[in-house]
Amino acid sequence: MNASASVKTIADATQSEAILGATGRSSTVAIYPTMLNHLLGTKFKLVMGYAGSAEAMLAMERGEVEGHSTTWEA
């Protein structure tokens, strides 16, 4: 998450919406936050269409989105 984002924890994400950048619906970048929304009641909103994680991270730096879900390996 971006340092300026109000959501810092999963508990925060159940109270406030967090806008995340994602590549596409079938990517793990989108699947994990969607699962958390359904299972834990988080309020992650996904902005789809970024070409890859690097582009989504750049969007976060620009302030277009508040965060990006990615794997540890990335």
PDB file of N, CA and C in Angstrom:
ATOM      1  N   MET A   1       0.832  -1.170   0.000  1.00  0.00           N
ATOM      2  CA  MET A   1       0.000   0.000   0.000  1.00  0.00           C
ATOM      3  C   MET A   1       0.880   1.238   0.000  1.00  0.00           C
ATOM      4  N   ASN A   2       0.360   2.262  -0.597  1.00  0.00           N
ATOM      5  CA  ASN A   2       1.026   3.555  -0.605  1.00  0.00           C
ATOM      6  C   ASN A   2       1.053   4.105   0.826  1.00  0.00           C
ATOM      7  N   ALA A   3       2.117   4.797   1.188  1.00  0.00           N
ATOM      8  CA  ALA A   3       2.253   5.332   2.548  1.00  0.00           C
ATOM      9  C   ALA A   3       1.109   6.275   2.914  1.00  0.00           C
ATOM     10  N   SER A   4       0.525   6.935   1.932  1.00  0.00           N
ATOM     11  CA  SER A   4      -0.560   7.875   2.210  1.00  0.00           C
ATOM     12  C   SER A   4      -1.939   7.206   2.274  1.00  0.00           C
ATOM     13  N   ALA A   5      -2.020   5.912   1.982  1.00  0.00           N
ATOM     14  CA  ALA A   5      -3.302   5.196   2.011  1.00  0.00           C
ATOM     15  C   ALA A   5      -3.811   5.074   3.437  1.00  0.00           C
ATOM     16  N   SER A   6      -5.108   5.194   3.614  1.00  0.00           N
ATOM     17  CA  SER A   6      -5.694   5.079   4.949  1.00  0.00           C
ATOM     18  C   SER A   6      -5.756   3.631   5.424  1.00  0.00           C
ATOM     19  N   VAL A   7      -5.748   2.688   4.500  1.00  0.00           N
ATOM     20  CA  VAL A   7      -5.807   1.266   4.837  1.00  0.00           C
ATOM     21  C   VAL A   7      -4.385   0.742   5.018  1.00  0.00           C
ATOM     22  N   LYS A   8      -4.113   0.225   6.213  1.00  0.00           N
ATOM     23  CA  LYS A   8      -2.787  -0.318   6.521  1.00  0.00           C
ATOM     24  C   LYS A   8      -2.846  -1.797   6.903  1.00  0.00           C
ATOM     25  N   THR A   9      -4.003  -2.253   7.376  1.00  0.00           N
ATOM     26  CA  THR A   9      -4.163  -3.625   7.842  1.00  0.00           C
ATOM     27  C   THR A   9      -5.428  -4.238   7.242  1.00  0.00           C
ATOM     28  N   ILE A  10      -5.573  -5.551   7.412  1.00  0.00           N
ATOM     29  CA  ILE A  10      -6.796  -6.227   6.958  1.00  0.00           C
ATOM     30  C   ILE A  10      -8.002  -5.658   7.710  1.00  0.00           C
ATOM     31  N   ALA A  11      -7.829  -5.384   9.001  1.00  0.00           N
ATOM     32  CA  ALA A  11      -8.930  -4.792   9.782  1.00  0.00           C
ATOM     33  C   ALA A  11      -9.339  -3.446   9.195  1.00  0.00           C
ATOM     34  N   ASP A  12      -8.360  -2.637   8.802  1.00  0.00           N
ATOM     35  CA  ASP A  12      -8.667  -1.353   8.158  1.00  0.00           C
ATOM     36  C   ASP A  12      -9.455  -1.580   6.873  1.00  0.00           C
ATOM     37  N   ALA A  13      -9.089  -2.607   6.124  1.00  0.00           N
ATOM     38  CA  ALA A  13      -9.714  -2.880   4.827  1.00  0.00           C
ATOM     39  C   ALA A  13     -11.156  -3.362   4.963  1.00  0.00           C
ATOM     40  N   THR A  14     -11.546  -3.787   6.160  1.00  0.00           N
ATOM     41  CA  THR A  14     -12.946  -4.159   6.362  1.00  0.00           C
ATOM     42  C   THR A  14     -13.799  -2.930   6.674  1.00  0.00           C
ATOM     43  N   GLN A  15     -13.150  -1.823   7.008  1.00  0.00           N
ATOM     44  CA  GLN A  15     -13.856  -0.593   7.365  1.00  0.00           C
ATOM     45  C   GLN A  15     -13.835   0.453   6.247  1.00  0.00           C
ATOM     46  N   SER A  16     -12.741   0.488   5.478  1.00  0.00           N
ATOM     47  CA  SER A  16     -12.557   1.499   4.435  1.00  0.00           C
ATOM     48  C   SER A  16     -12.181   0.843   3.117  1.00  0.00           C
ATOM     49  N   GLU A  17     -12.604   1.459   2.034  1.00  0.00           N
ATOM     50  CA  GLU A  17     -12.268   0.958   0.701  1.00  0.00           C
ATOM     51  C   GLU A  17     -10.814   1.298   0.364  1.00  0.00           C
ATOM     52  N   ALA A  18     -10.141   0.345  -0.248  1.00  0.00           N
ATOM     53  CA  ALA A  18      -8.782   0.549  -0.758  1.00  0.00           C
ATOM     54  C   ALA A  18      -8.794   0.232  -2.248  1.00  0.00           C
ATOM     55  N   ILE A  19      -8.245   1.128  -3.043  1.00  0.00           N
ATOM     56  CA  ILE A  19      -8.227   0.944  -4.496  1.00  0.00           C
ATOM     57  C   ILE A  19      -6.882   0.356  -4.889  1.00  0.00           C
ATOM     58  N   LEU A  20      -6.924  -0.826  -5.516  1.00  0.00           N
ATOM     59  CA  LEU A  20      -5.719  -1.546  -5.906  1.00  0.00           C
ATOM     60  C   LEU A  20      -5.612  -1.654  -7.417  1.00  0.00           C
ATOM     61  N   GLY A  21      -4.397  -1.553  -7.935  1.00  0.00           N
ATOM     62  CA  GLY A  21      -4.145  -1.760  -9.351  1.00  0.00           C
ATOM     63  C   GLY A  21      -3.969  -3.240  -9.639  1.00  0.00           C
ATOM     64  N   ALA A  22      -4.475  -3.703 -10.760  1.00  0.00           N
ATOM     65  CA  ALA A  22      -4.383  -5.116 -11.127  1.00  0.00           C
ATOM     66  C   ALA A  22      -4.213  -5.257 -12.631  1.00  0.00           C
ATOM     67  N   THR A  23      -3.753  -6.431 -13.031  1.00  0.00           N
ATOM     68  CA  THR A  23      -3.537  -6.679 -14.454  1.00  0.00           C
ATOM     69  C   THR A  23      -4.804  -7.205 -15.116  1.00  0.00           C
ATOM     70  N   GLY A  24      -5.392  -8.246 -14.563  1.00  0.00           N
ATOM     71  CA  GLY A  24      -6.601  -8.826 -15.126  1.00  0.00           C
ATOM     72  C   GLY A  24      -7.276  -9.737 -14.125  1.00  0.00           C
ATOM     73  N   ARG A  25      -8.521 -10.067 -14.358  1.00  0.00           N
ATOM     74  CA  ARG A  25      -9.325 -10.844 -13.406  1.00  0.00           C
ATOM     75  C   ARG A  25      -8.763 -12.230 -13.095  1.00  0.00           C
ATOM     76  N   SER A  26      -8.046 -12.846 -14.007  1.00  0.00           N
ATOM     77  CA  SER A  26      -7.555 -14.202 -13.771  1.00  0.00           C
ATOM     78  C   SER A  26      -6.157 -14.233 -13.148  1.00  0.00           C
ATOM     79  N   SER A  27      -5.575 -13.075 -12.902  1.00  0.00           N
ATOM     80  CA  SER A  27      -4.237 -13.034 -12.302  1.00  0.00           C
ATOM     81  C   SER A  27      -4.344 -13.127 -10.785  1.00  0.00           C
ATOM     82  N   THR A  28      -3.301 -13.640 -10.142  1.00  0.00           N
ATOM     83  CA  THR A  28      -3.299 -13.715  -8.680  1.00  0.00           C
ATOM     84  C   THR A  28      -3.384 -12.324  -8.061  1.00  0.00           C
ATOM     85  N   VAL A  29      -2.913 -11.333  -8.789  1.00  0.00           N
ATOM     86  CA  VAL A  29      -2.978  -9.943  -8.329  1.00  0.00           C
ATOM     87  C   VAL A  29      -4.433  -9.527  -8.080  1.00  0.00           C
ATOM     88  N   ALA A  30      -5.359 -10.089  -8.835  1.00  0.00           N
ATOM     89  CA  ALA A  30      -6.778  -9.792  -8.665  1.00  0.00           C
ATOM     90  C   ALA A  30      -7.495 -10.849  -7.828  1.00  0.00           C
ATOM     91  N   ILE A  31      -7.060 -12.088  -7.919  1.00  0.00           N
ATOM     92  CA  ILE A  31      -7.742 -13.181  -7.222  1.00  0.00           C
ATOM     93  C   ILE A  31      -7.636 -13.031  -5.705  1.00  0.00           C
ATOM     94  N   TYR A  32      -6.454 -12.724  -5.178  1.00  0.00           N
ATOM     95  CA  TYR A  32      -6.281 -12.628  -3.726  1.00  0.00           C
ATOM     96  C   TYR A  32      -7.153 -11.547  -3.090  1.00  0.00           C
ATOM     97  N   PRO A  33      -7.142 -10.312  -3.599  1.00  0.00           N
ATOM     98  CA  PRO A  33      -8.030  -9.311  -2.988  1.00  0.00           C
ATOM     99  C   PRO A  33      -9.513  -9.660  -3.139  1.00  0.00           C
ATOM    100  N   THR A  34      -9.885 -10.271  -4.260  1.00  0.00           N
ATOM    101  CA  THR A  34     -11.277 -10.668  -4.463  1.00  0.00           C
ATOM    102  C   THR A  34     -11.677 -11.736  -3.454  1.00  0.00           C
ATOM    103  N   MET A  35     -10.788 -12.698  -3.214  1.00  0.00           N
ATOM    104  CA  MET A  35     -11.036 -13.729  -2.207  1.00  0.00           C
ATOM    105  C   MET A  35     -11.212 -13.103  -0.825  1.00  0.00           C
ATOM    106  N   LEU A  36     -10.326 -12.165  -0.488  1.00  0.00           N
ATOM    107  CA  LEU A  36     -10.418 -11.498   0.811  1.00  0.00           C
ATOM    108  C   LEU A  36     -11.735 -10.728   0.939  1.00  0.00           C
ATOM    109  N   ASN A  37     -12.183 -10.117  -0.143  1.00  0.00           N
ATOM    110  CA  ASN A  37     -13.473  -9.419  -0.123  1.00  0.00           C
ATOM    111  C   ASN A  37     -14.602 -10.377   0.222  1.00  0.00           C
ATOM    112  N   HIS A  38     -14.590 -11.555  -0.383  1.00  0.00           N
ATOM    113  CA  HIS A  38     -15.673 -12.521  -0.178  1.00  0.00           C
ATOM    114  C   HIS A  38     -15.560 -13.253   1.155  1.00  0.00           C
ATOM    115  N   LEU A  39     -14.350 -13.573   1.580  1.00  0.00           N
ATOM    116  CA  LEU A  39     -14.167 -14.372   2.795  1.00  0.00           C
ATOM    117  C   LEU A  39     -14.098 -13.545   4.076  1.00  0.00           C
ATOM    118  N   LEU A  40     -13.455 -12.397   4.020  1.00  0.00           N
ATOM    119  CA  LEU A  40     -13.238 -11.605   5.230  1.00  0.00           C
ATOM    120  C   LEU A  40     -14.013 -10.294   5.266  1.00  0.00           C
ATOM    121  N   GLY A  41     -14.666  -9.966   4.153  1.00  0.00           N
ATOM    122  CA  GLY A  41     -15.452  -8.739   4.111  1.00  0.00           C
ATOM    123  C   GLY A  41     -14.628  -7.479   3.899  1.00  0.00           C
ATOM    124  N   THR A  42     -13.443  -7.634   3.316  1.00  0.00           N
ATOM    125  CA  THR A  42     -12.643  -6.454   3.002  1.00  0.00           C
ATOM    126  C   THR A  42     -13.312  -5.671   1.876  1.00  0.00           C
ATOM    127  N   LYS A  43     -12.852  -4.456   1.676  1.00  0.00           N
ATOM    128  CA  LYS A  43     -13.453  -3.577   0.674  1.00  0.00           C
ATOM    129  C   LYS A  43     -12.423  -3.152  -0.360  1.00  0.00           C
ATOM    130  N   PHE A  44     -11.721  -4.142  -0.915  1.00  0.00           N
ATOM    131  CA  PHE A  44     -10.750  -3.829  -1.957  1.00  0.00           C
ATOM    132  C   PHE A  44     -11.481  -3.596  -3.270  1.00  0.00           C
ATOM    133  N   LYS A  45     -11.171  -2.494  -3.933  1.00  0.00           N
ATOM    134  CA  LYS A  45     -11.714  -2.185  -5.257  1.00  0.00           C
ATOM    135  C   LYS A  45     -10.551  -2.323  -6.234  1.00  0.00           C
ATOM    136  N   LEU A  46     -10.762  -3.068  -7.301  1.00  0.00           N
ATOM    137  CA  LEU A  46      -9.697  -3.325  -8.267  1.00  0.00           C
ATOM    138  C   LEU A  46      -9.850  -2.470  -9.512  1.00  0.00           C
ATOM    139  N   VAL A  47      -8.752  -1.877  -9.928  1.00  0.00           N
ATOM    140  CA  VAL A  47      -8.683  -1.150 -11.191  1.00  0.00           C
ATOM    141  C   VAL A  47      -7.877  -2.044 -12.124  1.00  0.00           C
ATOM    142  N   MET A  48      -8.540  -2.607 -13.117  1.00  0.00           N
ATOM    143  CA  MET A  48      -7.916  -3.579 -14.023  1.00  0.00           C
ATOM    144  C   MET A  48      -7.278  -2.900 -15.229  1.00  0.00           C
ATOM    145  N   GLY A  49      -6.397  -3.667 -15.863  1.00  0.00           N
ATOM    146  CA  GLY A  49      -5.882  -3.240 -17.153  1.00  0.00           C
ATOM    147  C   GLY A  49      -4.427  -2.847 -17.190  1.00  0.00           C
ATOM    148  N   TYR A  50      -3.740  -2.884 -16.062  1.00  0.00           N
ATOM    149  CA  TYR A  50      -2.312  -2.578 -16.093  1.00  0.00           C
ATOM    150  C   TYR A  50      -1.573  -3.729 -16.775  1.00  0.00           C
ATOM    151  N   ALA A  51      -0.567  -3.397 -17.566  1.00  0.00           N
ATOM    152  CA  ALA A  51       0.158  -4.403 -18.361  1.00  0.00           C
ATOM    153  C   ALA A  51       0.934  -5.389 -17.494  1.00  0.00           C
ATOM    154  N   GLY A  52       1.305  -4.987 -16.311  1.00  0.00           N
ATOM    155  CA  GLY A  52       2.061  -5.857 -15.426  1.00  0.00           C
ATOM    156  C   GLY A  52       2.218  -5.209 -14.060  1.00  0.00           C
ATOM    157  N   SER A  53       2.894  -5.927 -13.165  1.00  0.00           N
ATOM    158  CA  SER A  53       3.084  -5.417 -11.807  1.00  0.00           C
ATOM    159  C   SER A  53       3.879  -4.121 -11.788  1.00  0.00           C
ATOM    160  N   ALA A  54       4.865  -4.000 -12.655  1.00  0.00           N
ATOM    161  CA  ALA A  54       5.679  -2.779 -12.682  1.00  0.00           C
ATOM    162  C   ALA A  54       4.808  -1.560 -13.001  1.00  0.00           C
ATOM    163  N   GLU A  55       3.896  -1.711 -13.953  1.00  0.00           N
ATOM    164  CA  GLU A  55       3.017  -0.609 -14.320  1.00  0.00           C
ATOM    165  C   GLU A  55       2.052  -0.281 -13.190  1.00  0.00           C
ATOM    166  N   ALA A  56       1.546  -1.312 -12.502  1.00  0.00           N
ATOM    167  CA  ALA A  56       0.631  -1.092 -11.381  1.00  0.00           C
ATOM    168  C   ALA A  56       1.352  -0.419 -10.217  1.00  0.00           C
ATOM    169  N   MET A  57       2.598  -0.795  -9.972  1.00  0.00           N
ATOM    170  CA  MET A  57       3.380  -0.154  -8.916  1.00  0.00           C
ATOM    171  C   MET A  57       3.660   1.311  -9.273  1.00  0.00           C
ATOM    172  N   LEU A  58       3.926   1.586 -10.538  1.00  0.00           N
ATOM    173  CA  LEU A  58       4.133   2.955 -10.983  1.00  0.00           C
ATOM    174  C   LEU A  58       2.849   3.771 -10.803  1.00  0.00           C
ATOM    175  N   ALA A  59       1.706   3.158 -11.081  1.00  0.00           N
ATOM    176  CA  ALA A  59       0.419   3.825 -10.881  1.00  0.00           C
ATOM    177  C   ALA A  59       0.221   4.166  -9.401  1.00  0.00           C
ATOM    178  N   MET A  60       0.703   3.292  -8.535  1.00  0.00           N
ATOM    179  CA  MET A  60       0.617   3.559  -7.104  1.00  0.00           C
ATOM    180  C   MET A  60       1.485   4.767  -6.741  1.00  0.00           C
ATOM    181  N   GLU A  61       2.678   4.818  -7.290  1.00  0.00           N
ATOM    182  CA  GLU A  61       3.563   5.949  -7.026  1.00  0.00           C
ATOM    183  C   GLU A  61       2.975   7.263  -7.539  1.00  0.00           C
ATOM    184  N   ARG A  62       2.247   7.203  -8.639  1.00  0.00           N
ATOM    185  CA  ARG A  62       1.613   8.394  -9.224  1.00  0.00           C
ATOM    186  C   ARG A  62       0.356   8.816  -8.474  1.00  0.00           C
ATOM    187  N   GLY A  63      -0.153   7.937  -7.620  1.00  0.00           N
ATOM    188  CA  GLY A  63      -1.375   8.246  -6.889  1.00  0.00           C
ATOM    189  C   GLY A  63      -2.642   7.823  -7.600  1.00  0.00           C
ATOM    190  N   GLU A  64      -2.516   7.054  -8.691  1.00  0.00           N
ATOM    191  CA  GLU A  64      -3.695   6.577  -9.421  1.00  0.00           C
ATOM    192  C   GLU A  64      -4.444   5.520  -8.615  1.00  0.00           C
ATOM    193  N   VAL A  65      -3.713   4.700  -7.894  1.00  0.00           N
ATOM    194  CA  VAL A  65      -4.277   3.668  -7.020  1.00  0.00           C
ATOM    195  C   VAL A  65      -3.547   3.751  -5.681  1.00  0.00           C
ATOM    196  N   GLU A  66      -4.133   3.115  -4.665  1.00  0.00           N
ATOM    197  CA  GLU A  66      -3.526   3.168  -3.333  1.00  0.00           C
ATOM    198  C   GLU A  66      -2.575   2.011  -3.059  1.00  0.00           C
ATOM    199  N   GLY A  67      -2.704   0.944  -3.832  1.00  0.00           N
ATOM    200  CA  GLY A  67      -1.873  -0.217  -3.579  1.00  0.00           C
ATOM    201  C   GLY A  67      -1.897  -1.202  -4.727  1.00  0.00           C
ATOM    202  N   HIS A  68      -1.164  -2.289  -4.520  1.00  0.00           N
ATOM    203  CA  HIS A  68      -1.043  -3.334  -5.531  1.00  0.00           C
ATOM    204  C   HIS A  68      -0.807  -4.647  -4.807  1.00  0.00           C
ATOM    205  N   SER A  69      -1.587  -5.646  -5.112  1.00  0.00           N
ATOM    206  CA  SER A  69      -1.406  -6.978  -4.531  1.00  0.00           C
ATOM    207  C   SER A  69      -0.460  -7.746  -5.448  1.00  0.00           C
ATOM    208  N   THR A  70       0.576  -8.293  -4.877  1.00  0.00           N
ATOM    209  CA  THR A  70       1.519  -9.048  -5.682  1.00  0.00           C
ATOM    210  C   THR A  70       2.082 -10.207  -4.876  1.00  0.00           C
ATOM    211  N   THR A  71       2.779 -11.085  -5.510  1.00  0.00           N
ATOM    212  CA  THR A  71       3.371 -12.217  -4.818  1.00  0.00           C
ATOM    213  C   THR A  71       4.699 -11.818  -4.185  1.00  0.00           C
ATOM    214  N   TRP A  72       5.137 -12.579  -3.223  1.00  0.00           N
ATOM    215  CA  TRP A  72       6.402 -12.326  -2.539  1.00  0.00           C
ATOM    216  C   TRP A  72       7.555 -12.375  -3.545  1.00  0.00           C
ATOM    217  N   GLU A  73       7.492 -13.301  -4.498  1.00  0.00           N
ATOM    218  CA  GLU A  73       8.562 -13.464  -5.485  1.00  0.00           C
ATOM    219  C   GLU A  73       8.725 -12.248  -6.369  1.00  0.00           C
ATOM    220  N   ALA A  74       7.615 -11.562  -6.666  1.00  0.00           N
ATOM    221  CA  ALA A  74       7.665 -10.399  -7.553  1.00  0.00           C
ATOM    222  C   ALA A  74       8.361  -9.259  -6.863  1.00  0.00           C
TER     223      ALA A  74
END
